Amino acid sequence: MDYPLDHTVDDSRKIRIRRIKAGSLFQLVAAAAFSVIFPSFVFFGILAFFGFNTIFVNHHQVYGVEGLIAALIMAPFFSLFISVAGWLALYVGIFIWGHFKPITISYISADEPKA
């Protein structure tokens, strides 16, 4: 069976919006940032514990237990900073874009069974 090149099967639901509530957008951005940045810092802290040059505090390399502790302290702060910066950029961008054209969001409902 031949399909046109632009034919795709998309069974996800779609909604059209003008903007996203600030709290909902922050939850999305924070979930993404914390799920990537936090484990990365923990990994770098473990590497520093074993003597690798992965953690710097005040332009000085920190090794061993101090490196692991420093990474565990820095992880939530960097994750939060990236979350807030990304959220602010996205919120302003979506706010401006929504004044000119509605945004279509594809989603999968939590009530639907997993595929």
Protein backbone atom coordinates (compact mmCIF):
# COMPACT_ATOMS: atom_id res chain seq x y z
CA MET A 1 0.00 0.00 0.00
CA ASP A 2 1.48 3.36 -1.03
CA TYR A 3 1.12 6.37 1.22
CA PRO A 4 1.95 9.96 0.34
CA LEU A 5 5.27 11.12 1.78
CA ASP A 6 3.60 13.47 4.26
CA HIS A 7 1.24 10.80 5.64
CA THR A 8 1.95 9.88 9.25
CA VAL A 9 0.01 7.91 11.79
CA ASP A 10 -0.45 9.97 14.93
CA ASP A 11 -2.88 8.60 17.50
CA SER A 12 -2.05 11.14 20.22
CA ARG A 13 -4.57 13.70 21.34
CA LYS A 14 -4.05 17.37 20.55
CA ILE A 15 -5.10 20.59 22.19
CA ARG A 16 -4.70 24.16 21.02
CA ILE A 17 -3.64 26.69 23.59
CA ARG A 18 -2.70 30.37 23.82
CA ARG A 19 -0.40 29.95 26.83
CA ILE A 20 0.57 27.52 29.55
CA LYS A 21 0.09 28.30 33.23
CA ALA A 22 3.38 29.24 34.86
CA GLY A 23 3.26 26.47 37.48
CA SER A 24 2.53 23.73 34.95
CA LEU A 25 5.34 24.86 32.69
CA PHE A 26 7.76 25.04 35.64
CA GLN A 27 6.86 21.47 36.65
CA LEU A 28 7.68 20.24 33.14
CA VAL A 29 10.97 22.13 32.94
CA ALA A 30 12.04 21.20 36.48
CA ALA A 31 11.26 17.52 35.92
CA ALA A 32 13.42 17.53 32.79
CA ALA A 33 16.29 19.49 34.36
CA PHE A 34 16.39 17.56 37.63
CA SER A 35 16.20 14.18 35.88
CA VAL A 36 19.29 14.97 33.78
CA ILE A 37 21.42 17.41 35.80
CA PHE A 38 21.08 15.86 39.26
CA PRO A 39 22.26 12.35 38.23
CA SER A 40 25.09 13.91 36.22
CA PHE A 41 26.38 15.73 39.29
CA VAL A 42 26.11 12.58 41.37
CA PHE A 43 28.10 10.71 38.71
CA PHE A 44 30.76 13.43 38.64
CA GLY A 45 30.86 13.36 42.45
CA ILE A 46 31.48 9.61 42.39
CA LEU A 47 34.27 10.16 39.88
CA ALA A 48 35.76 12.87 42.13
CA PHE A 49 35.57 10.43 45.05
CA PHE A 50 37.85 8.11 43.07
CA GLY A 51 40.30 10.92 42.21
CA PHE A 52 39.13 12.25 38.85
CA ASN A 53 39.23 15.99 38.09
CA THR A 54 35.48 16.52 37.79
CA ILE A 55 34.48 18.84 40.66
CA PHE A 56 35.78 22.39 41.08
CA VAL A 57 35.01 24.72 43.98
CA ASN A 58 36.35 28.29 43.73
CA HIS A 59 38.58 27.27 40.79
CA HIS A 60 40.18 24.47 42.84
CA GLN A 61 39.79 20.78 42.15
CA VAL A 62 38.13 18.83 44.94
CA TYR A 63 38.80 15.10 45.39
CA GLY A 64 37.65 12.25 47.59
CA VAL A 65 34.83 12.59 50.08
CA GLU A 66 34.92 16.39 49.76
CA GLY A 67 34.35 16.10 46.01
CA LEU A 68 31.38 13.80 46.51
CA ILE A 69 29.86 16.06 49.17
CA ALA A 70 30.46 19.16 47.02
CA ALA A 71 28.73 17.49 44.07
CA LEU A 72 25.75 16.48 46.21
CA ILE A 73 25.46 20.08 47.49
CA MET A 74 25.86 21.64 44.04
CA ALA A 75 23.43 19.29 42.25
CA PRO A 76 20.15 20.77 43.54
CA PHE A 77 21.38 24.36 43.14
CA PHE A 78 22.48 23.89 39.53
CA SER A 79 19.32 21.94 38.74
CA LEU A 80 17.15 24.68 40.20
CA PHE A 81 19.12 27.42 38.43
CA ILE A 82 18.79 25.69 35.05
CA SER A 83 15.10 25.02 35.74
CA VAL A 84 14.34 28.66 36.51
CA ALA A 85 16.36 29.97 33.54
CA GLY A 86 14.74 27.52 31.13
CA TRP A 87 11.27 28.13 32.56
CA LEU A 88 11.64 31.89 32.24
CA ALA A 89 12.83 31.65 28.63
CA LEU A 90 10.05 29.23 27.68
CA TYR A 91 7.34 31.17 29.51
CA VAL A 92 8.24 34.46 27.82
CA GLY A 93 8.57 32.77 24.42
CA ILE A 94 5.24 30.97 24.70
CA PHE A 95 3.58 34.14 26.01
CA ILE A 96 4.77 36.13 22.99
CA TRP A 97 4.09 33.34 20.47
CA GLY A 98 0.58 32.79 21.86
CA HIS A 99 -0.40 36.36 21.05
CA PHE A 100 0.13 35.70 17.35
CA LYS A 101 -0.79 32.07 16.85
CA PRO A 102 -2.26 29.28 19.01
CA ILE A 103 0.10 26.47 19.96
CA THR A 104 -0.90 22.86 19.29
CA ILE A 105 0.27 20.39 21.91
CA SER A 106 0.16 16.63 21.35
CA TYR A 107 -0.25 14.59 24.50
CA ILE A 108 -1.05 11.15 25.81
CA SER A 109 -3.56 11.06 28.64
CA ALA A 110 -2.57 9.47 31.96
CA ASP A 111 -5.85 7.54 31.84
CA GLU A 112 -4.90 5.70 28.64
CA PRO A 113 -3.18 2.32 28.97
CA LYS A 114 0.52 2.21 28.14
CA ALA A 115 1.36 1.03 24.66
